Amino acid sequence: MRGNGGESELFDLFSDRRTIRILQETDQTPRSVKELSAICDVSEPTLYRHVNTMLEHDLLQQETEIDTGGNHYTVYE
């Protein structure tokens, strides 16, 4: 784990219902922050902070996808 908060930060992450919901929602289908924000009913900035902490602890992976219009966006799994 790369996070500086160690076990305490990890415990806090798993104490937050959003962590479990994000892991469930990204288990089979990569999701964007916009999708996860709607699913978890929180603002995108709040979700970005949460996702970044999860990335620091290797709980998520991020990928860049390109849609049919050539736009790039990040999804998490």
C-alpha atoms as a PDB file:
ATOM      1  CA  MET A   1       0.000   0.000   0.000  1.00  0.00           C
ATOM      2  CA  ARG A   2       1.269   3.425  -0.899  1.00  0.00           C
ATOM      3  CA  GLY A   3      -0.992   5.537   1.345  1.00  0.00           C
ATOM      4  CA  ASN A   4       0.694   7.454   4.133  1.00  0.00           C
ATOM      5  CA  GLY A   5      -2.158   6.952   6.612  1.00  0.00           C
ATOM      6  CA  GLY A   6      -1.455   3.268   7.023  1.00  0.00           C
ATOM      7  CA  GLU A   7      -3.875   0.991   8.791  1.00  0.00           C
ATOM      8  CA  SER A   8      -5.917   3.825  10.307  1.00  0.00           C
ATOM      9  CA  GLU A   9      -6.677   5.360   6.907  1.00  0.00           C
ATOM     10  CA  LEU A  10      -7.535   1.953   5.491  1.00  0.00           C
ATOM     11  CA  PHE A  11      -9.868   1.261   8.411  1.00  0.00           C
ATOM     12  CA  ASP A  12     -11.549   4.643   7.824  1.00  0.00           C
ATOM     13  CA  LEU A  13     -11.973   3.795   4.145  1.00  0.00           C
ATOM     14  CA  PHE A  14     -13.761   0.530   4.870  1.00  0.00           C
ATOM     15  CA  SER A  15     -15.876   2.220   7.532  1.00  0.00           C
ATOM     16  CA  ASP A  16     -17.328   4.446   4.810  1.00  0.00           C
ATOM     17  CA  ARG A  17     -20.283   2.874   2.983  1.00  0.00           C
ATOM     18  CA  ARG A  18     -19.148   4.573  -0.251  1.00  0.00           C
ATOM     19  CA  THR A  19     -16.027   2.418  -0.384  1.00  0.00           C
ATOM     20  CA  ILE A  20     -18.055  -0.785  -0.411  1.00  0.00           C
ATOM     21  CA  ARG A  21     -20.544   0.643  -2.915  1.00  0.00           C
ATOM     22  CA  ILE A  22     -17.772   1.803  -5.261  1.00  0.00           C
ATOM     23  CA  LEU A  23     -16.086  -1.603  -5.077  1.00  0.00           C
ATOM     24  CA  GLN A  24     -19.395  -3.344  -5.813  1.00  0.00           C
ATOM     25  CA  GLU A  25     -20.226  -1.045  -8.717  1.00  0.00           C
ATOM     26  CA  THR A  26     -16.784  -1.298 -10.324  1.00  0.00           C
ATOM     27  CA  ASP A  27     -16.330  -5.041  -9.819  1.00  0.00           C
ATOM     28  CA  GLN A  28     -17.859  -6.107 -13.136  1.00  0.00           C
ATOM     29  CA  THR A  29     -18.172  -2.816 -15.028  1.00  0.00           C
ATOM     30  CA  PRO A  30     -15.630   0.018 -15.177  1.00  0.00           C
ATOM     31  CA  ARG A  31     -17.349   3.258 -14.120  1.00  0.00           C
ATOM     32  CA  SER A  32     -16.597   6.948 -14.471  1.00  0.00           C
ATOM     33  CA  VAL A  33     -16.669   9.397 -11.562  1.00  0.00           C
ATOM     34  CA  LYS A  34     -19.820  10.895 -13.059  1.00  0.00           C
ATOM     35  CA  GLU A  35     -21.556   7.495 -12.964  1.00  0.00           C
ATOM     36  CA  LEU A  36     -20.300   6.709  -9.465  1.00  0.00           C
ATOM     37  CA  SER A  37     -21.330  10.156  -8.244  1.00  0.00           C
ATOM     38  CA  ALA A  38     -24.916   9.505  -9.370  1.00  0.00           C
ATOM     39  CA  ILE A  39     -24.933   5.975  -7.920  1.00  0.00           C
ATOM     40  CA  CYS A  40     -23.545   7.096  -4.536  1.00  0.00           C
ATOM     41  CA  ASP A  41     -25.537  10.349  -4.502  1.00  0.00           C
ATOM     42  CA  VAL A  42     -22.513  12.541  -3.703  1.00  0.00           C
ATOM     43  CA  SER A  43     -20.852  15.421  -5.547  1.00  0.00           C
ATOM     44  CA  GLU A  44     -18.163  14.658  -8.104  1.00  0.00           C
ATOM     45  CA  PRO A  45     -15.438  16.529  -6.112  1.00  0.00           C
ATOM     46  CA  THR A  46     -16.265  14.434  -3.026  1.00  0.00           C
ATOM     47  CA  LEU A  47     -16.162  11.252  -5.067  1.00  0.00           C
ATOM     48  CA  TYR A  48     -12.846  12.227  -6.703  1.00  0.00           C
ATOM     49  CA  ARG A  49     -11.270  12.616  -3.240  1.00  0.00           C
ATOM     50  CA  HIS A  50     -12.623   9.237  -2.180  1.00  0.00           C
ATOM     51  CA  VAL A  51     -11.529   7.499  -5.396  1.00  0.00           C
ATOM     52  CA  ASN A  52      -8.044   9.037  -5.155  1.00  0.00           C
ATOM     53  CA  THR A  53      -7.642   7.661  -1.632  1.00  0.00           C
ATOM     54  CA  MET A  54      -8.788   4.254  -2.865  1.00  0.00           C
ATOM     55  CA  LEU A  55      -6.239   4.455  -5.702  1.00  0.00           C
ATOM     56  CA  GLU A  56      -3.481   5.245  -3.182  1.00  0.00           C
ATOM     57  CA  HIS A  57      -4.321   1.986  -1.387  1.00  0.00           C
ATOM     58  CA  ASP A  58      -4.525  -0.031  -4.625  1.00  0.00           C
ATOM     59  CA  LEU A  59      -8.239  -0.719  -4.124  1.00  0.00           C
ATOM     60  CA  LEU A  60      -9.054   0.577  -7.621  1.00  0.00           C
ATOM     61  CA  GLN A  61      -7.365   0.787 -10.989  1.00  0.00           C
ATOM     62  CA  GLN A  62      -7.943   3.552 -13.478  1.00  0.00           C
ATOM     63  CA  GLU A  63      -8.099   3.262 -17.234  1.00  0.00           C
ATOM     64  CA  THR A  64      -8.550   5.838 -19.978  1.00  0.00           C
ATOM     65  CA  GLU A  65     -11.264   5.040 -22.498  1.00  0.00           C
ATOM     66  CA  ILE A  66     -12.119   6.709 -25.783  1.00  0.00           C
ATOM     67  CA  ASP A  67     -15.741   7.045 -26.876  1.00  0.00           C
ATOM     68  CA  THR A  68     -16.987   6.947 -30.469  1.00  0.00           C
ATOM     69  CA  GLY A  69     -16.628  10.739 -30.721  1.00  0.00           C
ATOM     70  CA  GLY A  70     -12.933  10.540 -29.856  1.00  0.00           C
ATOM     71  CA  ASN A  71     -13.356  11.977 -26.341  1.00  0.00           C
ATOM     72  CA  HIS A  72     -11.136  10.609 -23.588  1.00  0.00           C
ATOM     73  CA  TYR A  73     -12.414   9.822 -20.099  1.00  0.00           C
ATOM     74  CA  THR A  74     -11.221   7.889 -17.074  1.00  0.00           C
ATOM     75  CA  VAL A  75     -13.004   4.857 -15.667  1.00  0.00           C
ATOM     76  CA  TYR A  76     -12.290   2.948 -12.477  1.00  0.00           C
ATOM     77  CA  GLU A  77     -12.385  -0.763 -11.811  1.00  0.00           C
END
